Amino acid sequence: SWGNAALTFVALAIVYWTVVPFVTW
């Protein structure tokens, strides 16, 4: 559904914003 798709993209954005800086650090 549109809601599940939005939640999926939000979760992927959170993972990207936390994992990439951690790996870089």
mmCIF file of all heavy atoms, coordinates in Angstrom:
data_MODEL
# 
_entry.id   MODEL 
# 
loop_
_atom_site.group_PDB 
_atom_site.id 
_atom_site.type_symbol 
_atom_site.label_atom_id 
_atom_site.label_alt_id 
_atom_site.label_comp_id 
_atom_site.label_asym_id 
_atom_site.label_entity_id 
_atom_site.label_seq_id 
_atom_site.pdbx_PDB_ins_code 
_atom_site.Cartn_x 
_atom_site.Cartn_y 
_atom_site.Cartn_z 
_atom_site.occupancy 
_atom_site.B_iso_or_equiv 
_atom_site.pdbx_formal_charge 
_atom_site.auth_seq_id 
_atom_site.auth_comp_id 
_atom_site.auth_asym_id 
_atom_site.auth_atom_id 
_atom_site.pdbx_PDB_model_num 
ATOM 1   N N   . SER A 1 1  ? 0.866  -1.188 0.000  1.00 0.00 ? 1  SER A N   1 
ATOM 2   C CA  . SER A 1 1  ? 0.000  0.000  0.000  1.00 0.00 ? 1  SER A CA  1 
ATOM 3   C C   . SER A 1 1  ? 0.899  1.233  0.000  1.00 0.00 ? 1  SER A C   1 
ATOM 4   O O   . SER A 1 1  ? 2.115  1.141  0.191  1.00 0.00 ? 1  SER A O   1 
ATOM 5   C CB  . SER A 1 1  ? -0.904 0.002  1.235  1.00 0.00 ? 1  SER A CB  1 
ATOM 6   O OG  . SER A 1 1  ? -0.135 0.210  2.403  1.00 0.00 ? 1  SER A OG  1 
ATOM 7   N N   . TRP A 1 2  ? 0.269  2.408  -0.207 1.00 0.00 ? 2  TRP A N   1 
ATOM 8   C CA  . TRP A 1 2  ? 1.049  3.655  -0.181 1.00 0.00 ? 2  TRP A CA  1 
ATOM 9   C C   . TRP A 1 2  ? 1.673  3.877  1.188  1.00 0.00 ? 2  TRP A C   1 
ATOM 10  O O   . TRP A 1 2  ? 2.809  4.339  1.294  1.00 0.00 ? 2  TRP A O   1 
ATOM 11  C CB  . TRP A 1 2  ? 0.164  4.841  -0.561 1.00 0.00 ? 2  TRP A CB  1 
ATOM 12  C CG  . TRP A 1 2  ? -0.158 4.858  -2.017 1.00 0.00 ? 2  TRP A CG  1 
ATOM 13  C CD1 . TRP A 1 2  ? -1.347 4.537  -2.594 1.00 0.00 ? 2  TRP A CD1 1 
ATOM 14  C CD2 . TRP A 1 2  ? 0.728  5.183  -3.079 1.00 0.00 ? 2  TRP A CD2 1 
ATOM 15  N NE1 . TRP A 1 2  ? -1.261 4.636  -3.961 1.00 0.00 ? 2  TRP A NE1 1 
ATOM 16  C CE2 . TRP A 1 2  ? 0.015  5.040  -4.281 1.00 0.00 ? 2  TRP A CE2 1 
ATOM 17  C CE3 . TRP A 1 2  ? 2.047  5.575  -3.138 1.00 0.00 ? 2  TRP A CE3 1 
ATOM 18  C CZ2 . TRP A 1 2  ? 0.587  5.272  -5.524 1.00 0.00 ? 2  TRP A CZ2 1 
ATOM 19  C CZ3 . TRP A 1 2  ? 2.625  5.812  -4.383 1.00 0.00 ? 2  TRP A CZ3 1 
ATOM 20  C CH2 . TRP A 1 2  ? 1.900  5.661  -5.553 1.00 0.00 ? 2  TRP A CH2 1 
ATOM 21  N N   . GLY A 1 3  ? 0.947  3.538  2.238  1.00 0.00 ? 3  GLY A N   1 
ATOM 22  C CA  . GLY A 1 3  ? 1.479  3.709  3.593  1.00 0.00 ? 3  GLY A CA  1 
ATOM 23  C C   . GLY A 1 3  ? 2.681  2.818  3.852  1.00 0.00 ? 3  GLY A C   1 
ATOM 24  O O   . GLY A 1 3  ? 3.684  3.258  4.415  1.00 0.00 ? 3  GLY A O   1 
ATOM 25  N N   . ASN A 1 4  ? 2.581  1.546  3.440  1.00 0.00 ? 4  ASN A N   1 
ATOM 26  C CA  . ASN A 1 4  ? 3.723  0.633  3.616  1.00 0.00 ? 4  ASN A CA  1 
ATOM 27  C C   . ASN A 1 4  ? 4.913  1.069  2.778  1.00 0.00 ? 4  ASN A C   1 
ATOM 28  O O   . ASN A 1 4  ? 6.056  0.958  3.215  1.00 0.00 ? 4  ASN A O   1 
ATOM 29  C CB  . ASN A 1 4  ? 3.316  -0.794 3.260  1.00 0.00 ? 4  ASN A CB  1 
ATOM 30  C CG  . ASN A 1 4  ? 2.501  -1.447 4.334  1.00 0.00 ? 4  ASN A CG  1 
ATOM 31  O OD1 . ASN A 1 4  ? 2.419  -0.944 5.450  1.00 0.00 ? 4  ASN A OD1 1 
ATOM 32  N ND2 . ASN A 1 4  ? 1.880  -2.565 4.004  1.00 0.00 ? 4  ASN A ND2 1 
ATOM 33  N N   . ALA A 1 5  ? 4.665  1.565  1.576  1.00 0.00 ? 5  ALA A N   1 
ATOM 34  C CA  . ALA A 1 5  ? 5.758  2.046  0.737  1.00 0.00 ? 5  ALA A CA  1 
ATOM 35  C C   . ALA A 1 5  ? 6.441  3.251  1.389  1.00 0.00 ? 5  ALA A C   1 
ATOM 36  O O   . ALA A 1 5  ? 7.672  3.346  1.417  1.00 0.00 ? 5  ALA A O   1 
ATOM 37  C CB  . ALA A 1 5  ? 5.242  2.407  -0.653 1.00 0.00 ? 5  ALA A CB  1 
ATOM 38  N N   . ALA A 1 6  ? 5.648  4.173  1.937  1.00 0.00 ? 6  ALA A N   1 
ATOM 39  C CA  . ALA A 1 6  ? 6.224  5.348  2.603  1.00 0.00 ? 6  ALA A CA  1 
ATOM 40  C C   . ALA A 1 6  ? 7.044  4.924  3.819  1.00 0.00 ? 6  ALA A C   1 
ATOM 41  O O   . ALA A 1 6  ? 8.161  5.428  4.035  1.00 0.00 ? 6  ALA A O   1 
ATOM 42  C CB  . ALA A 1 6  ? 5.119  6.312  3.013  1.00 0.00 ? 6  ALA A CB  1 
ATOM 43  N N   . LEU A 1 7  ? 6.504  4.000  4.627  1.00 0.00 ? 7  LEU A N   1 
ATOM 44  C CA  . LEU A 1 7  ? 7.250  3.509  5.787  1.00 0.00 ? 7  LEU A CA  1 
ATOM 45  C C   . LEU A 1 7  ? 8.536  2.813  5.363  1.00 0.00 ? 7  LEU A C   1 
ATOM 46  O O   . LEU A 1 7  ? 9.575  2.945  6.028  1.00 0.00 ? 7  LEU A O   1 
ATOM 47  C CB  . LEU A 1 7  ? 6.385  2.569  6.618  1.00 0.00 ? 7  LEU A CB  1 
ATOM 48  C CG  . LEU A 1 7  ? 5.282  3.218  7.443  1.00 0.00 ? 7  LEU A CG  1 
ATOM 49  C CD1 . LEU A 1 7  ? 4.421  2.157  8.104  1.00 0.00 ? 7  LEU A CD1 1 
ATOM 50  C CD2 . LEU A 1 7  ? 5.881  4.146  8.484  1.00 0.00 ? 7  LEU A CD2 1 
ATOM 51  N N   . THR A 1 8  ? 8.498  2.067  4.276  1.00 0.00 ? 8  THR A N   1 
ATOM 52  C CA  . THR A 1 8  ? 9.691  1.395  3.779  1.00 0.00 ? 8  THR A CA  1 
ATOM 53  C C   . THR A 1 8  ? 10.756 2.414  3.402  1.00 0.00 ? 8  THR A C   1 
ATOM 54  O O   . THR A 1 8  ? 11.934 2.269  3.760  1.00 0.00 ? 8  THR A O   1 
ATOM 55  C CB  . THR A 1 8  ? 9.345  0.504  2.570  1.00 0.00 ? 8  THR A CB  1 
ATOM 56  O OG1 . THR A 1 8  ? 8.416  -0.487 2.987  1.00 0.00 ? 8  THR A OG1 1 
ATOM 57  C CG2 . THR A 1 8  ? 10.585 -0.159 2.005  1.00 0.00 ? 8  THR A CG2 1 
ATOM 58  N N   . PHE A 1 9  ? 10.370 3.467  2.680  1.00 0.00 ? 9  PHE A N   1 
ATOM 59  C CA  . PHE A 1 9  ? 11.344 4.484  2.277  1.00 0.00 ? 9  PHE A CA  1 
ATOM 60  C C   . PHE A 1 9  ? 11.876 5.265  3.477  1.00 0.00 ? 9  PHE A C   1 
ATOM 61  O O   . PHE A 1 9  ? 13.061 5.611  3.525  1.00 0.00 ? 9  PHE A O   1 
ATOM 62  C CB  . PHE A 1 9  ? 10.744 5.423  1.219  1.00 0.00 ? 9  PHE A CB  1 
ATOM 63  C CG  . PHE A 1 9  ? 10.644 4.785  -0.127 1.00 0.00 ? 9  PHE A CG  1 
ATOM 64  C CD1 . PHE A 1 9  ? 9.415  4.674  -0.761 1.00 0.00 ? 9  PHE A CD1 1 
ATOM 65  C CD2 . PHE A 1 9  ? 11.772 4.292  -0.776 1.00 0.00 ? 9  PHE A CD2 1 
ATOM 66  C CE1 . PHE A 1 9  ? 9.310  4.078  -2.007 1.00 0.00 ? 9  PHE A CE1 1 
ATOM 67  C CE2 . PHE A 1 9  ? 11.677 3.699  -2.026 1.00 0.00 ? 9  PHE A CE2 1 
ATOM 68  C CZ  . PHE A 1 9  ? 10.447 3.583  -2.646 1.00 0.00 ? 9  PHE A CZ  1 
ATOM 69  N N   . VAL A 1 10 ? 11.029 5.541  4.456  1.00 0.00 ? 10 VAL A N   1 
ATOM 70  C CA  . VAL A 1 10 ? 11.486 6.220  5.674  1.00 0.00 ? 10 VAL A CA  1 
ATOM 71  C C   . VAL A 1 10 ? 12.489 5.341  6.416  1.00 0.00 ? 10 VAL A C   1 
ATOM 72  O O   . VAL A 1 10 ? 13.542 5.818  6.862  1.00 0.00 ? 10 VAL A O   1 
ATOM 73  C CB  . VAL A 1 10 ? 10.287 6.597  6.580  1.00 0.00 ? 10 VAL A CB  1 
ATOM 74  C CG1 . VAL A 1 10 ? 10.750 7.010  7.960  1.00 0.00 ? 10 VAL A CG1 1 
ATOM 75  C CG2 . VAL A 1 10 ? 9.476  7.702  5.938  1.00 0.00 ? 10 VAL A CG2 1 
ATOM 76  N N   . ALA A 1 11 ? 12.186 4.042  6.536  1.00 0.00 ? 11 ALA A N   1 
ATOM 77  C CA  . ALA A 1 11 ? 13.113 3.127  7.213  1.00 0.00 ? 11 ALA A CA  1 
ATOM 78  C C   . ALA A 1 11 ? 14.437 3.040  6.465  1.00 0.00 ? 11 ALA A C   1 
ATOM 79  O O   . ALA A 1 11 ? 15.513 3.047  7.084  1.00 0.00 ? 11 ALA A O   1 
ATOM 80  C CB  . ALA A 1 11 ? 12.480 1.741  7.346  1.00 0.00 ? 11 ALA A CB  1 
ATOM 81  N N   . LEU A 1 12 ? 14.392 2.967  5.142  1.00 0.00 ? 12 LEU A N   1 
ATOM 82  C CA  . LEU A 1 12 ? 15.636 2.929  4.359  1.00 0.00 ? 12 LEU A CA  1 
ATOM 83  C C   . LEU A 1 12 ? 16.434 4.223  4.521  1.00 0.00 ? 12 LEU A C   1 
ATOM 84  O O   . LEU A 1 12 ? 17.672 4.184  4.602  1.00 0.00 ? 12 LEU A O   1 
ATOM 85  C CB  . LEU A 1 12 ? 15.315 2.685  2.884  1.00 0.00 ? 12 LEU A CB  1 
ATOM 86  C CG  . LEU A 1 12 ? 14.870 1.277  2.525  1.00 0.00 ? 12 LEU A CG  1 
ATOM 87  C CD1 . LEU A 1 12 ? 14.415 1.206  1.075  1.00 0.00 ? 12 LEU A CD1 1 
ATOM 88  C CD2 . LEU A 1 12 ? 15.984 0.281  2.792  1.00 0.00 ? 12 LEU A CD2 1 
ATOM 89  N N   . ALA A 1 13 ? 15.755 5.365  4.593  1.00 0.00 ? 13 ALA A N   1 
ATOM 90  C CA  . ALA A 1 13 ? 16.452 6.643  4.791  1.00 0.00 ? 13 ALA A CA  1 
ATOM 91  C C   . ALA A 1 13 ? 17.112 6.681  6.162  1.00 0.00 ? 13 ALA A C   1 
ATOM 92  O O   . ALA A 1 13 ? 18.272 7.124  6.296  1.00 0.00 ? 13 ALA A O   1 
ATOM 93  C CB  . ALA A 1 13 ? 15.474 7.804  4.638  1.00 0.00 ? 13 ALA A CB  1 
ATOM 94  N N   . ILE A 1 14 ? 16.419 6.207  7.188  1.00 0.00 ? 14 ILE A N   1 
ATOM 95  C CA  . ILE A 1 14 ? 17.009 6.183  8.535  1.00 0.00 ? 14 ILE A CA  1 
ATOM 96  C C   . ILE A 1 14 ? 18.228 5.272  8.564  1.00 0.00 ? 14 ILE A C   1 
ATOM 97  O O   . ILE A 1 14 ? 19.266 5.625  9.136  1.00 0.00 ? 14 ILE A O   1 
ATOM 98  C CB  . ILE A 1 14 ? 15.949 5.762  9.573  1.00 0.00 ? 14 ILE A CB  1 
ATOM 99  C CG1 . ILE A 1 14 ? 14.905 6.871  9.741  1.00 0.00 ? 14 ILE A CG1 1 
ATOM 100 C CG2 . ILE A 1 14 ? 16.601 5.426  10.914 1.00 0.00 ? 14 ILE A CG2 1 
ATOM 101 C CD1 . ILE A 1 14 ? 13.708 6.479  10.583 1.00 0.00 ? 14 ILE A CD1 1 
ATOM 102 N N   . VAL A 1 15 ? 18.126 4.106  7.954  1.00 0.00 ? 15 VAL A N   1 
ATOM 103 C CA  . VAL A 1 15 ? 19.268 3.196  7.898  1.00 0.00 ? 15 VAL A CA  1 
ATOM 104 C C   . VAL A 1 15 ? 20.436 3.857  7.161  1.00 0.00 ? 15 VAL A C   1 
ATOM 105 O O   . VAL A 1 15 ? 21.586 3.806  7.605  1.00 0.00 ? 15 VAL A O   1 
ATOM 106 C CB  . VAL A 1 15 ? 18.868 1.856  7.238  1.00 0.00 ? 15 VAL A CB  1 
ATOM 107 C CG1 . VAL A 1 15 ? 20.081 1.027  6.890  1.00 0.00 ? 15 VAL A CG1 1 
ATOM 108 C CG2 . VAL A 1 15 ? 17.927 1.080  8.143  1.00 0.00 ? 15 VAL A CG2 1 
ATOM 109 N N   . TYR A 1 16 ? 20.141 4.513  6.042  1.00 0.00 ? 16 TYR A N   1 
ATOM 110 C CA  . TYR A 1 16 ? 21.196 5.173  5.276  1.00 0.00 ? 16 TYR A CA  1 
ATOM 111 C C   . TYR A 1 16 ? 21.851 6.289  6.081  1.00 0.00 ? 16 TYR A C   1 
ATOM 112 O O   . TYR A 1 16 ? 23.068 6.414  6.108  1.00 0.00 ? 16 TYR A O   1 
ATOM 113 C CB  . TYR A 1 16 ? 20.617 5.728  3.974  1.00 0.00 ? 16 TYR A CB  1 
ATOM 114 C CG  . TYR A 1 16 ? 21.628 6.479  3.147  1.00 0.00 ? 16 TYR A CG  1 
ATOM 115 C CD1 . TYR A 1 16 ? 22.573 5.797  2.386  1.00 0.00 ? 16 TYR A CD1 1 
ATOM 116 C CD2 . TYR A 1 16 ? 21.654 7.866  3.149  1.00 0.00 ? 16 TYR A CD2 1 
ATOM 117 C CE1 . TYR A 1 16 ? 23.510 6.491  1.636  1.00 0.00 ? 16 TYR A CE1 1 
ATOM 118 C CE2 . TYR A 1 16 ? 22.586 8.567  2.403  1.00 0.00 ? 16 TYR A CE2 1 
ATOM 119 C CZ  . TYR A 1 16 ? 23.511 7.878  1.646  1.00 0.00 ? 16 TYR A CZ  1 
ATOM 120 O OH  . TYR A 1 16 ? 24.441 8.560  0.917  1.00 0.00 ? 16 TYR A OH  1 
ATOM 121 N N   . TRP A 1 17 ? 21.049 7.113  6.774  1.00 0.00 ? 17 TRP A N   1 
ATOM 122 C CA  . TRP A 1 17 ? 21.592 8.240  7.535  1.00 0.00 ? 17 TRP A CA  1 
ATOM 123 C C   . TRP A 1 17 ? 22.336 7.810  8.795  1.00 0.00 ? 17 TRP A C   1 
ATOM 124 O O   . TRP A 1 17 ? 23.090 8.594  9.360  1.00 0.00 ? 17 TRP A O   1 
ATOM 125 C CB  . TRP A 1 17 ? 20.495 9.224  7.910  1.00 0.00 ? 17 TRP A CB  1 
ATOM 126 C CG  . TRP A 1 17 ? 19.990 10.014 6.746  1.00 0.00 ? 17 TRP A CG  1 
ATOM 127 C CD1 . TRP A 1 17 ? 20.699 10.434 5.657  1.00 0.00 ? 17 TRP A CD1 1 
ATOM 128 C CD2 . TRP A 1 17 ? 18.657 10.476 6.550  1.00 0.00 ? 17 TRP A CD2 1 
ATOM 129 N NE1 . TRP A 1 17 ? 19.899 11.114 4.798  1.00 0.00 ? 17 TRP A NE1 1 
ATOM 130 C CE2 . TRP A 1 17 ? 18.619 11.163 5.320  1.00 0.00 ? 17 TRP A CE2 1 
ATOM 131 C CE3 . TRP A 1 17 ? 17.488 10.380 7.290  1.00 0.00 ? 17 TRP A CE3 1 
ATOM 132 C CZ2 . TRP A 1 17 ? 17.482 11.753 4.818  1.00 0.00 ? 17 TRP A CZ2 1 
ATOM 133 C CZ3 . TRP A 1 17 ? 16.341 10.972 6.784  1.00 0.00 ? 17 TRP A CZ3 1 
ATOM 134 C CH2 . TRP A 1 17 ? 16.343 11.644 5.573  1.00 0.00 ? 17 TRP A CH2 1 
ATOM 135 N N   . THR A 1 18 ? 22.128 6.590  9.255  1.00 0.00 ? 18 THR A N   1 
ATOM 136 C CA  . THR A 1 18 ? 22.854 6.124  10.443 1.00 0.00 ? 18 THR A CA  1 
ATOM 137 C C   . THR A 1 18 ? 24.009 5.198  10.090 1.00 0.00 ? 18 THR A C   1 
ATOM 138 O O   . THR A 1 18 ? 25.081 5.302  10.676 1.00 0.00 ? 18 THR A O   1 
ATOM 139 C CB  . THR A 1 18 ? 21.903 5.411  11.417 1.00 0.00 ? 18 THR A CB  1 
ATOM 140 O OG1 . THR A 1 18 ? 21.252 4.340  10.742 1.00 0.00 ? 18 THR A OG1 1 
ATOM 141 C CG2 . THR A 1 18 ? 20.886 6.360  11.995 1.00 0.00 ? 18 THR A CG2 1 
ATOM 142 N N   . VAL A 1 19 ? 23.820 4.301  9.150  1.00 0.00 ? 19 VAL A N   1 
ATOM 143 C CA  . VAL A 1 19 ? 24.857 3.312  8.841  1.00 0.00 ? 19 VAL A CA  1 
ATOM 144 C C   . VAL A 1 19 ? 26.019 3.942  8.087  1.00 0.00 ? 19 VAL A C   1 
ATOM 145 O O   . VAL A 1 19 ? 27.189 3.679  8.406  1.00 0.00 ? 19 VAL A O   1 
ATOM 146 C CB  . VAL A 1 19 ? 24.255 2.119  8.075  1.00 0.00 ? 19 VAL A CB  1 
ATOM 147 C CG1 . VAL A 1 19 ? 25.339 1.197  7.552  1.00 0.00 ? 19 VAL A CG1 1 
ATOM 148 C CG2 . VAL A 1 19 ? 23.296 1.355  8.969  1.00 0.00 ? 19 VAL A CG2 1 
ATOM 149 N N   . VAL A 1 20 ? 25.735 4.763  7.085  1.00 0.00 ? 20 VAL A N   1 
ATOM 150 C CA  . VAL A 1 20 ? 26.822 5.350  6.287  1.00 0.00 ? 20 VAL A CA  1 
ATOM 151 C C   . VAL A 1 20 ? 27.751 6.215  7.146  1.00 0.00 ? 20 VAL A C   1 
ATOM 152 O O   . VAL A 1 20 ? 28.978 6.050  7.079  1.00 0.00 ? 20 VAL A O   1 
ATOM 153 C CB  . VAL A 1 20 ? 26.255 6.123  5.072  1.00 0.00 ? 20 VAL A CB  1 
ATOM 154 C CG1 . VAL A 1 20 ? 27.338 6.925  4.375  1.00 0.00 ? 20 VAL A CG1 1 
ATOM 155 C CG2 . VAL A 1 20 ? 25.600 5.154  4.104  1.00 0.00 ? 20 VAL A CG2 1 
ATOM 156 N N   . PRO A 1 21 ? 27.239 7.126  7.986  1.00 0.00 ? 21 PRO A N   1 
ATOM 157 C CA  . PRO A 1 21 ? 28.170 7.884  8.840  1.00 0.00 ? 21 PRO A CA  1 
ATOM 158 C C   . PRO A 1 21 ? 28.938 6.997  9.816  1.00 0.00 ? 21 PRO A C   1 
ATOM 159 O O   . PRO A 1 21 ? 30.110 7.246  10.086 1.00 0.00 ? 21 PRO A O   1 
ATOM 160 C CB  . PRO A 1 21 ? 27.266 8.868  9.590  1.00 0.00 ? 21 PRO A CB  1 
ATOM 161 C CG  . PRO A 1 21 ? 26.054 8.991  8.763  1.00 0.00 ? 21 PRO A CG  1 
ATOM 162 C CD  . PRO A 1 21 ? 25.879 7.670  8.099  1.00 0.00 ? 21 PRO A CD  1 
ATOM 163 N N   . PHE A 1 22 ? 28.282 5.960  10.349 1.00 0.00 ? 22 PHE A N   1 
ATOM 164 C CA  . PHE A 1 22 ? 28.990 5.065  11.263 1.00 0.00 ? 22 PHE A CA  1 
ATOM 165 C C   . PHE A 1 22 ? 30.121 4.341  10.555 1.00 0.00 ? 22 PHE A C   1 
ATOM 166 O O   . PHE A 1 22 ? 31.234 4.262  11.086 1.00 0.00 ? 22 PHE A O   1 
ATOM 167 C CB  . PHE A 1 22 ? 28.036 4.050  11.889 1.00 0.00 ? 22 PHE A CB  1 
ATOM 168 C CG  . PHE A 1 22 ? 28.761 3.020  12.706 1.00 0.00 ? 22 PHE A CG  1 
ATOM 169 C CD1 . PHE A 1 22 ? 29.249 3.342  13.963 1.00 0.00 ? 22 PHE A CD1 1 
ATOM 170 C CD2 . PHE A 1 22 ? 28.995 1.750  12.200 1.00 0.00 ? 22 PHE A CD2 1 
ATOM 171 C CE1 . PHE A 1 22 ? 29.951 2.410  14.709 1.00 0.00 ? 22 PHE A CE1 1 
ATOM 172 C CE2 . PHE A 1 22 ? 29.702 0.818  12.937 1.00 0.00 ? 22 PHE A CE2 1 
ATOM 173 C CZ  . PHE A 1 22 ? 30.176 1.141  14.195 1.00 0.00 ? 22 PHE A CZ  1 
ATOM 174 N N   . VAL A 1 23 ? 29.875 3.812  9.380  1.00 0.00 ? 23 VAL A N   1 
ATOM 175 C CA  . VAL A 1 23 ? 30.923 3.103  8.628  1.00 0.00 ? 23 VAL A CA  1 
ATOM 176 C C   . VAL A 1 23 ? 32.047 4.067  8.276  1.00 0.00 ? 23 VAL A C   1 
ATOM 177 O O   . VAL A 1 23 ? 33.239 3.714  8.377  1.00 0.00 ? 23 VAL A O   1 
ATOM 178 C CB  . VAL A 1 23 ? 30.326 2.425  7.381  1.00 0.00 ? 23 VAL A CB  1 
ATOM 179 C CG1 . VAL A 1 23 ? 31.414 1.921  6.448  1.00 0.00 ? 23 VAL A CG1 1 
ATOM 180 C CG2 . VAL A 1 23 ? 29.404 1.285  7.793  1.00 0.00 ? 23 VAL A CG2 1 
ATOM 181 N N   . THR A 1 24 ? 31.696 5.281  7.893  1.00 0.00 ? 24 THR A N   1 
ATOM 182 C CA  . THR A 1 24 ? 32.722 6.283  7.584  1.00 0.00 ? 24 THR A CA  1 
ATOM 183 C C   . THR A 1 24 ? 33.567 6.579  8.814  1.00 0.00 ? 24 THR A C   1 
ATOM 184 O O   . THR A 1 24 ? 34.803 6.621  8.734  1.00 0.00 ? 24 THR A O   1 
ATOM 185 C CB  . THR A 1 24 ? 32.057 7.575  7.068  1.00 0.00 ? 24 THR A CB  1 
ATOM 186 O OG1 . THR A 1 24 ? 31.279 7.261  5.923  1.00 0.00 ? 24 THR A OG1 1 
ATOM 187 C CG2 . THR A 1 24 ? 33.106 8.617  6.713  1.00 0.00 ? 24 THR A CG2 1 
ATOM 188 N N   . TRP A 1 25 ? 32.919 6.777  9.966  1.00 0.00 ? 25 TRP A N   1 
ATOM 189 C CA  . TRP A 1 25 ? 33.647 7.068  11.200 1.00 0.00 ? 25 TRP A CA  1 
ATOM 190 C C   . TRP A 1 25 ? 34.479 5.871  11.652 1.00 0.00 ? 25 TRP A C   1 
ATOM 191 O O   . TRP A 1 25 ? 35.643 6.019  12.022 1.00 0.00 ? 25 TRP A O   1 
ATOM 192 C CB  . TRP A 1 25 ? 32.661 7.456  12.310 1.00 0.00 ? 25 TRP A CB  1 
ATOM 193 C CG  . TRP A 1 25 ? 33.294 7.588  13.649 1.00 0.00 ? 25 TRP A CG  1 
ATOM 194 C CD1 . TRP A 1 25 ? 33.963 8.673  14.140 1.00 0.00 ? 25 TRP A CD1 1 
ATOM 195 C CD2 . TRP A 1 25 ? 33.341 6.589  14.668 1.00 0.00 ? 25 TRP A CD2 1 
ATOM 196 N NE1 . TRP A 1 25 ? 34.414 8.414  15.397 1.00 0.00 ? 25 TRP A NE1 1 
ATOM 197 C CE2 . TRP A 1 25 ? 34.050 7.135  15.754 1.00 0.00 ? 25 TRP A CE2 1 
ATOM 198 C CE3 . TRP A 1 25 ? 32.865 5.295  14.782 1.00 0.00 ? 25 TRP A CE3 1 
ATOM 199 C CZ2 . TRP A 1 25 ? 34.291 6.428  16.926 1.00 0.00 ? 25 TRP A CZ2 1 
ATOM 200 C CZ3 . TRP A 1 25 ? 33.097 4.590  15.951 1.00 0.00 ? 25 TRP A CZ3 1 
ATOM 201 C CH2 . TRP A 1 25 ? 33.801 5.160  16.998 1.00 0.00 ? 25 TRP A CH2 1 
# 
